[in-house]
């Protein structure tokens, strides 16, 4: 029996939610609330941010409907502008995704080290824990690939 190679609507929704929210949701709200000084302003900023994110999602959906081709950002920018622009955008996205992965791993390691080890001294431990977590998830994804 052939393995099903299709993501469900729930799978895709959870991927998008995790990309939009990320680990920053655990760090940023406290500082934003403290800086705003007013509950109304704090919640208004979140609502405006949600509307902007929705507009971005709808824009991507419209582009996907108008240019139904595999290849993601590269295909869109190569079609609209030039293949060199598409390649450049892909390179920028690759670098920014790697950077955000590192930040998520560091934030997660901060929380795990606080929870399990009572805030160990220094950041070397947290950095090591983040590197190990990224390596473990890399291996899980690598071995989960089906050809």
N, C-alpha and C. Protein backbone atom coordinates (compact mmCIF):
# COMPACT_ATOMS: atom_id res chain seq x y z
N UNK A 1 0.84 -1.18 0.00
CA UNK A 1 0.00 0.00 0.00
C UNK A 1 0.89 1.24 0.00
N UNK A 2 0.59 2.17 -0.85
CA UNK A 2 1.35 3.41 -1.01
C UNK A 2 1.02 4.38 0.13
N UNK A 3 2.04 5.00 0.70
CA UNK A 3 1.84 6.00 1.75
C UNK A 3 1.20 7.25 1.15
N UNK A 4 0.28 7.83 1.89
CA UNK A 4 -0.41 9.03 1.43
C UNK A 4 0.53 10.23 1.56
N UNK A 5 0.77 10.94 0.46
CA UNK A 5 1.69 12.07 0.45
C UNK A 5 0.93 13.38 0.31
N UNK A 6 -0.09 13.55 1.11
CA UNK A 6 -0.90 14.76 1.00
C UNK A 6 -1.15 15.31 2.40
N UNK A 7 -1.02 16.61 2.53
CA UNK A 7 -1.30 17.26 3.80
C UNK A 7 -2.77 17.64 3.84
N UNK A 8 -3.37 17.45 5.01
CA UNK A 8 -4.77 17.82 5.16
C UNK A 8 -4.89 19.32 5.41
N UNK A 9 -6.11 19.81 5.39
CA UNK A 9 -6.35 21.23 5.67
C UNK A 9 -5.89 21.58 7.08
N UNK A 10 -6.11 20.67 8.02
CA UNK A 10 -5.67 20.91 9.40
C UNK A 10 -4.14 20.99 9.47
N UNK A 11 -3.45 20.09 8.77
CA UNK A 11 -1.98 20.12 8.75
C UNK A 11 -1.47 21.45 8.22
N UNK A 12 -2.01 21.88 7.11
CA UNK A 12 -1.59 23.15 6.51
C UNK A 12 -1.91 24.33 7.40
N UNK A 13 -3.09 24.29 8.03
CA UNK A 13 -3.46 25.39 8.94
C UNK A 13 -2.50 25.48 10.11
N UNK A 14 -2.13 24.35 10.68
CA UNK A 14 -1.20 24.37 11.81
C UNK A 14 0.20 24.83 11.40
N UNK A 15 0.61 24.49 10.19
CA UNK A 15 1.91 24.96 9.70
C UNK A 15 1.90 26.47 9.57
N UNK A 16 0.83 27.01 8.99
CA UNK A 16 0.74 28.46 8.82
C UNK A 16 0.66 29.16 10.18
N UNK A 17 -0.13 28.63 11.10
CA UNK A 17 -0.23 29.24 12.43
C UNK A 17 1.12 29.23 13.12
N UNK A 18 1.85 28.13 13.03
CA UNK A 18 3.16 28.07 13.68
C UNK A 18 4.15 29.02 13.04
N UNK A 19 4.05 29.23 11.73
CA UNK A 19 4.94 30.17 11.06
C UNK A 19 4.62 31.62 11.43
N UNK A 20 3.34 31.91 11.58
CA UNK A 20 2.94 33.28 11.90
C UNK A 20 3.21 33.60 13.37
N UNK A 21 2.84 32.71 14.25
CA UNK A 21 2.96 33.00 15.68
C UNK A 21 4.37 32.74 16.17
N UNK A 22 4.86 31.55 16.01
CA UNK A 22 6.21 31.23 16.45
C UNK A 22 6.37 31.31 17.96
N UNK A 23 7.62 31.30 18.41
CA UNK A 23 7.91 31.37 19.84
C UNK A 23 7.89 32.80 20.36
N UNK A 24 7.89 33.77 19.48
CA UNK A 24 7.88 35.16 19.90
C UNK A 24 6.65 35.52 20.71
N UNK A 25 5.58 34.74 20.55
CA UNK A 25 4.36 35.01 21.30
C UNK A 25 4.61 34.90 22.80
N UNK A 26 5.62 34.15 23.21
CA UNK A 26 5.92 34.01 24.63
C UNK A 26 6.85 35.10 25.15
N UNK A 27 7.51 35.83 24.27
CA UNK A 27 8.45 36.87 24.66
C UNK A 27 7.89 38.27 24.51
N UNK A 28 7.25 38.55 23.41
CA UNK A 28 6.91 39.92 23.04
C UNK A 28 5.73 40.55 23.77
N UNK A 29 4.64 39.84 24.06
CA UNK A 29 3.47 40.53 24.62
C UNK A 29 3.73 41.28 25.92
N UNK A 30 4.56 40.74 26.79
CA UNK A 30 4.80 41.42 28.06
C UNK A 30 5.48 42.77 27.85
N UNK A 31 6.47 42.81 26.99
CA UNK A 31 7.16 44.08 26.75
C UNK A 31 6.27 45.07 26.00
N UNK A 32 5.44 44.57 25.08
CA UNK A 32 4.52 45.46 24.36
C UNK A 32 3.48 46.02 25.32
N UNK A 33 2.95 45.18 26.21
CA UNK A 33 1.96 45.65 27.18
C UNK A 33 2.56 46.67 28.13
N UNK A 34 3.79 46.44 28.57
CA UNK A 34 4.44 47.39 29.47
C UNK A 34 4.72 48.72 28.78
N UNK A 35 5.08 48.67 27.52
CA UNK A 35 5.40 49.89 26.78
C UNK A 35 4.14 50.68 26.42
N UNK A 36 3.06 49.98 26.08
CA UNK A 36 1.85 50.68 25.65
C UNK A 36 1.20 51.44 26.79
N UNK A 37 1.21 50.87 27.98
CA UNK A 37 0.65 51.56 29.14
C UNK A 37 -0.86 51.60 29.18
N UNK A 38 -1.52 51.09 28.17
CA UNK A 38 -2.97 51.14 28.10
C UNK A 38 -3.46 49.84 27.47
N UNK A 39 -4.44 49.20 28.12
CA UNK A 39 -4.96 47.93 27.61
C UNK A 39 -5.58 48.09 26.22
N UNK A 40 -6.27 49.18 25.99
CA UNK A 40 -6.93 49.39 24.71
C UNK A 40 -5.91 49.48 23.58
N UNK A 41 -4.84 50.21 23.81
CA UNK A 41 -3.79 50.33 22.79
C UNK A 41 -3.14 48.98 22.55
N UNK A 42 -2.89 48.24 23.63
CA UNK A 42 -2.25 46.92 23.52
C UNK A 42 -3.08 46.00 22.64
N UNK A 43 -4.38 45.89 22.91
CA UNK A 43 -5.22 45.00 22.13
C UNK A 43 -5.47 45.53 20.72
N UNK A 44 -5.52 46.85 20.57
CA UNK A 44 -5.70 47.42 19.23
C UNK A 44 -4.51 47.09 18.34
N UNK A 45 -3.31 47.12 18.90
CA UNK A 45 -2.12 46.77 18.13
C UNK A 45 -2.19 45.31 17.68
N UNK A 46 -2.64 44.41 18.56
CA UNK A 46 -2.77 43.01 18.19
C UNK A 46 -3.82 42.82 17.10
N UNK A 47 -4.92 43.55 17.20
CA UNK A 47 -5.97 43.42 16.18
C UNK A 47 -5.48 43.95 14.84
N UNK A 48 -4.82 45.10 14.84
CA UNK A 48 -4.28 45.65 13.59
C UNK A 48 -3.24 44.70 13.00
N UNK A 49 -2.38 44.13 13.84
CA UNK A 49 -1.40 43.15 13.36
C UNK A 49 -2.06 41.93 12.75
N UNK A 50 -3.15 41.47 13.37
CA UNK A 50 -3.90 40.34 12.82
C UNK A 50 -4.52 40.65 11.47
N UNK A 51 -5.03 41.86 11.32
CA UNK A 51 -5.62 42.27 10.04
C UNK A 51 -4.54 42.35 8.96
N UNK A 52 -3.38 42.89 9.32
CA UNK A 52 -2.27 42.96 8.36
C UNK A 52 -1.83 41.55 7.96
N UNK A 53 -1.73 40.63 8.93
CA UNK A 53 -1.35 39.25 8.62
C UNK A 53 -2.40 38.59 7.73
N UNK A 54 -3.67 38.86 7.98
CA UNK A 54 -4.74 38.32 7.13
C UNK A 54 -4.63 38.85 5.71
N UNK A 55 -4.33 40.13 5.56
CA UNK A 55 -4.15 40.70 4.22
C UNK A 55 -2.98 40.03 3.49
N UNK A 56 -1.90 39.77 4.21
CA UNK A 56 -0.77 39.07 3.61
C UNK A 56 -1.14 37.66 3.19
N UNK A 57 -1.89 36.95 4.03
CA UNK A 57 -2.30 35.59 3.69
C UNK A 57 -3.22 35.58 2.48
N UNK A 58 -4.14 36.53 2.42
CA UNK A 58 -5.04 36.60 1.27
C UNK A 58 -4.29 36.98 0.00
N UNK A 59 -3.25 37.80 0.13
CA UNK A 59 -2.43 38.14 -1.03
C UNK A 59 -1.72 36.91 -1.56
N UNK A 60 -1.14 36.11 -0.65
CA UNK A 60 -0.48 34.87 -1.08
C UNK A 60 -1.48 33.91 -1.71
N UNK A 61 -2.68 33.84 -1.17
CA UNK A 61 -3.70 32.96 -1.76
C UNK A 61 -4.06 33.41 -3.17
N UNK A 62 -4.19 34.71 -3.37
CA UNK A 62 -4.52 35.24 -4.69
C UNK A 62 -3.39 34.97 -5.68
N UNK A 63 -2.16 35.18 -5.25
CA UNK A 63 -1.02 34.90 -6.14
C UNK A 63 -0.98 33.42 -6.49
N UNK A 64 -1.24 32.56 -5.51
CA UNK A 64 -1.26 31.13 -5.77
C UNK A 64 -2.35 30.72 -6.74
N UNK A 65 -3.48 31.39 -6.69
CA UNK A 65 -4.56 31.09 -7.63
C UNK A 65 -4.24 31.59 -9.03
N UNK A 66 -3.59 32.72 -9.13
CA UNK A 66 -3.28 33.30 -10.44
C UNK A 66 -2.07 32.66 -11.11
N UNK A 67 -1.17 32.12 -10.31
CA UNK A 67 0.04 31.48 -10.85
C UNK A 67 0.20 30.11 -10.20
N UNK A 68 -0.62 29.14 -10.63
CA UNK A 68 -0.58 27.82 -9.99
C UNK A 68 0.59 26.97 -10.50
N UNK A 69 1.77 27.26 -9.97
CA UNK A 69 2.97 26.52 -10.38
C UNK A 69 3.75 26.14 -9.13
N UNK A 70 4.40 24.98 -9.20
CA UNK A 70 5.26 24.58 -8.09
C UNK A 70 6.56 25.38 -8.16
N UNK A 71 7.07 25.75 -7.01
CA UNK A 71 8.31 26.50 -6.98
C UNK A 71 8.29 27.68 -6.04
N UNK A 72 7.13 27.97 -5.48
CA UNK A 72 7.02 28.99 -4.45
C UNK A 72 7.46 30.37 -4.88
N UNK A 73 8.22 31.02 -4.00
CA UNK A 73 8.64 32.40 -4.23
C UNK A 73 9.43 32.54 -5.52
N UNK A 74 10.28 31.57 -5.79
CA UNK A 74 11.12 31.67 -6.99
C UNK A 74 10.27 31.82 -8.24
N UNK A 75 9.27 30.96 -8.39
CA UNK A 75 8.43 31.01 -9.59
C UNK A 75 7.70 32.34 -9.72
N UNK A 76 7.19 32.83 -8.61
CA UNK A 76 6.44 34.09 -8.65
C UNK A 76 7.34 35.24 -9.06
N UNK A 77 8.49 35.39 -8.40
CA UNK A 77 9.36 36.51 -8.70
C UNK A 77 10.07 36.35 -10.05
N UNK A 78 10.38 35.12 -10.43
CA UNK A 78 10.99 34.91 -11.74
C UNK A 78 10.00 35.23 -12.85
N UNK A 79 8.74 34.89 -12.64
CA UNK A 79 7.70 35.18 -13.63
C UNK A 79 7.42 36.69 -13.71
N UNK A 80 7.34 37.34 -12.57
CA UNK A 80 6.99 38.77 -12.55
C UNK A 80 8.15 39.68 -12.91
N UNK A 81 9.37 39.33 -12.50
CA UNK A 81 10.50 40.23 -12.69
C UNK A 81 11.59 39.59 -13.54
N UNK A 82 12.41 38.76 -12.91
CA UNK A 82 13.54 38.15 -13.60
C UNK A 82 13.99 36.96 -12.76
N UNK A 83 14.52 35.89 -13.38
CA UNK A 83 14.99 34.75 -12.59
C UNK A 83 16.04 35.12 -11.55
N UNK A 84 16.86 36.12 -11.82
CA UNK A 84 17.86 36.54 -10.83
C UNK A 84 17.19 37.10 -9.58
N UNK A 85 16.10 37.82 -9.77
CA UNK A 85 15.35 38.36 -8.62
C UNK A 85 14.73 37.21 -7.84
N UNK A 86 14.18 36.22 -8.55
CA UNK A 86 13.62 35.05 -7.88
C UNK A 86 14.66 34.31 -7.07
N UNK A 87 15.85 34.15 -7.63
CA UNK A 87 16.93 33.48 -6.90
C UNK A 87 17.33 34.29 -5.67
N UNK A 88 17.42 35.61 -5.81
CA UNK A 88 17.79 36.47 -4.69
C UNK A 88 16.77 36.40 -3.56
N UNK A 89 15.50 36.43 -3.92
CA UNK A 89 14.45 36.34 -2.91
C UNK A 89 14.51 34.99 -2.20
N UNK A 90 14.74 33.91 -2.95
CA UNK A 90 14.88 32.59 -2.33
C UNK A 90 16.06 32.55 -1.37
N UNK A 91 17.18 33.17 -1.74
CA UNK A 91 18.35 33.20 -0.86
C UNK A 91 18.05 33.97 0.42
N UNK A 92 17.36 35.09 0.29
CA UNK A 92 16.99 35.89 1.47
C UNK A 92 16.07 35.09 2.38
N UNK A 93 15.10 34.39 1.81
CA UNK A 93 14.17 33.60 2.61
C UNK A 93 14.90 32.45 3.29
N UNK A 94 15.83 31.81 2.59
CA UNK A 94 16.61 30.73 3.19
C UNK A 94 17.38 31.23 4.41
N UNK A 95 18.03 32.37 4.28
CA UNK A 95 18.82 32.92 5.39
C UNK A 95 17.92 33.36 6.53
N UNK A 96 16.81 34.03 6.22
CA UNK A 96 15.93 34.50 7.29
C UNK A 96 15.24 33.35 8.01
N UNK A 97 14.90 32.28 7.29
CA UNK A 97 14.31 31.11 7.95
C UNK A 97 15.31 30.43 8.86
N UNK A 98 16.57 30.35 8.44
CA UNK A 98 17.60 29.77 9.31
C UNK A 98 17.79 30.63 10.55
N UNK A 99 17.77 31.94 10.39
CA UNK A 99 17.92 32.84 11.55
C UNK A 99 16.74 32.71 12.49
N UNK A 100 15.53 32.63 11.96
CA UNK A 100 14.36 32.50 12.83
C UNK A 100 14.35 31.15 13.52
N UNK A 101 14.83 30.11 12.86
CA UNK A 101 14.96 28.80 13.51
C UNK A 101 15.91 28.88 14.69
N UNK A 102 17.01 29.59 14.53
CA UNK A 102 17.97 29.75 15.63
C UNK A 102 17.35 30.51 16.79
N UNK A 103 16.60 31.56 16.49
CA UNK A 103 15.96 32.34 17.56
C UNK A 103 14.92 31.50 18.29
N UNK A 104 14.12 30.75 17.55
CA UNK A 104 13.11 29.89 18.18
C UNK A 104 13.78 28.85 19.06
N UNK A 105 14.87 28.27 18.60
CA UNK A 105 15.59 27.27 19.40
C UNK A 105 16.17 27.90 20.66
N UNK A 106 16.71 29.10 20.57
CA UNK A 106 17.26 29.77 21.75
C UNK A 106 16.17 30.14 22.76
N UNK A 107 15.04 30.65 22.28
CA UNK A 107 13.94 30.98 23.19
C UNK A 107 13.42 29.71 23.85
N UNK A 108 13.24 28.66 23.06
CA UNK A 108 12.79 27.39 23.63
C UNK A 108 13.76 26.83 24.65
N UNK A 109 15.05 26.94 24.37
CA UNK A 109 16.04 26.43 25.33
C UNK A 109 16.04 27.25 26.61
N UNK A 110 15.78 28.55 26.51
CA UNK A 110 15.65 29.37 27.72
C UNK A 110 14.52 28.86 28.60
N UNK A 111 13.37 28.60 28.00
CA UNK A 111 12.22 28.13 28.77
C UNK A 111 12.45 26.73 29.34
N UNK A 112 13.03 25.85 28.54
CA UNK A 112 13.28 24.48 29.03
C UNK A 112 14.31 24.49 30.14
N UNK A 113 15.37 25.29 30.00
CA UNK A 113 16.39 25.32 31.05
C UNK A 113 15.84 25.94 32.33
N UNK A 114 14.96 26.93 32.22
CA UNK A 114 14.31 27.48 33.41
C UNK A 114 13.45 26.42 34.09
N UNK A 115 12.72 25.67 33.29
CA UNK A 115 11.79 24.69 33.83
C UNK A 115 12.51 23.49 34.43
N UNK A 116 13.48 22.94 33.72
CA UNK A 116 14.11 21.69 34.17
C UNK A 116 15.33 21.89 35.06
N UNK A 117 16.10 22.94 34.82
CA UNK A 117 17.38 23.06 35.50
C UNK A 117 17.48 24.29 36.39
N UNK A 118 16.43 25.04 36.55
CA UNK A 118 16.46 26.19 37.44
C UNK A 118 17.40 27.29 37.01
N UNK A 119 17.37 27.66 35.78
CA UNK A 119 18.16 28.78 35.23
C UNK A 119 19.65 28.59 35.46
N UNK A 120 20.28 27.71 34.67
CA UNK A 120 21.73 27.53 34.82
C UNK A 120 22.48 28.81 34.47
N UNK A 121 23.64 28.96 35.08
CA UNK A 121 24.40 30.19 34.86
C UNK A 121 25.03 30.18 33.47
N UNK A 122 25.09 31.34 32.85
CA UNK A 122 25.72 31.46 31.54
C UNK A 122 24.78 31.08 30.42
N UNK A 123 25.14 31.51 29.23
CA UNK A 123 24.32 31.22 28.06
C UNK A 123 24.89 30.08 27.22
N UNK A 124 26.06 29.59 27.57
CA UNK A 124 26.65 28.49 26.80
C UNK A 124 25.77 27.25 26.88
N UNK A 125 25.21 26.97 28.06
CA UNK A 125 24.34 25.82 28.24
C UNK A 125 23.10 25.96 27.36
N UNK A 126 22.48 27.14 27.35
CA UNK A 126 21.28 27.35 26.54
C UNK A 126 21.59 27.25 25.05
N UNK A 127 22.73 27.78 24.65
CA UNK A 127 23.13 27.69 23.24
C UNK A 127 23.36 26.24 22.84
N UNK A 128 24.03 25.49 23.71
CA UNK A 128 24.27 24.07 23.43
C UNK A 128 22.95 23.31 23.35
N UNK A 129 22.03 23.61 24.27
CA UNK A 129 20.73 22.95 24.25
C UNK A 129 19.97 23.28 22.96
N UNK A 130 20.07 24.51 22.50
CA UNK A 130 19.40 24.91 21.25
C UNK A 130 19.99 24.17 20.06
N UNK A 131 21.31 24.06 20.02
CA UNK A 131 21.97 23.35 18.91
C UNK A 131 21.56 21.88 18.91
N UNK A 132 21.52 21.26 20.09
CA UNK A 132 21.13 19.85 20.19
C UNK A 132 19.67 19.68 19.74
N UNK A 133 18.80 20.61 20.14
CA UNK A 133 17.39 20.51 19.75
C UNK A 133 17.23 20.62 18.23
N UNK A 134 17.95 21.56 17.61
CA UNK A 134 17.89 21.70 16.16
C UNK A 134 18.40 20.43 15.48
N UNK A 135 19.49 19.87 16.00
CA UNK A 135 20.05 18.64 15.42
C UNK A 135 19.08 17.47 15.56
N UNK A 136 18.42 17.37 16.71
CA UNK A 136 17.46 16.28 16.91
C UNK A 136 16.29 16.41 15.94
N UNK A 137 15.73 17.61 15.83
CA UNK A 137 14.61 17.80 14.91
C UNK A 137 15.03 17.63 13.45
N UNK A 138 16.25 18.00 13.13
CA UNK A 138 16.77 17.76 11.78
C UNK A 138 16.79 16.27 11.48
N UNK A 139 17.30 15.48 12.43
CA UNK A 139 17.37 14.02 12.23
C UNK A 139 15.98 13.41 12.14
N UNK A 140 15.06 13.86 12.99
CA UNK A 140 13.69 13.34 12.94
C UNK A 140 13.07 13.62 11.57
N UNK A 141 13.26 14.84 11.06
CA UNK A 141 12.73 15.16 9.73
C UNK A 141 13.43 14.38 8.64
N UNK A 142 14.74 14.21 8.77
CA UNK A 142 15.50 13.49 7.75
C UNK A 142 15.07 12.03 7.67
N UNK A 143 14.92 11.38 8.82
CA UNK A 143 14.53 9.97 8.82
C UNK A 143 13.04 9.79 8.52
N UNK A 144 12.27 10.87 8.64
CA UNK A 144 10.85 10.79 8.33
C UNK A 144 10.55 10.94 6.85
N UNK A 145 11.57 11.30 6.06
CA UNK A 145 11.36 11.45 4.62
C UNK A 145 11.09 10.09 3.98
N UNK A 146 10.15 10.09 3.07
CA UNK A 146 9.84 8.85 2.33
C UNK A 146 10.13 9.12 0.86
N UNK A 147 10.83 8.18 0.24
CA UNK A 147 11.16 8.36 -1.17
C UNK A 147 10.22 7.57 -2.05
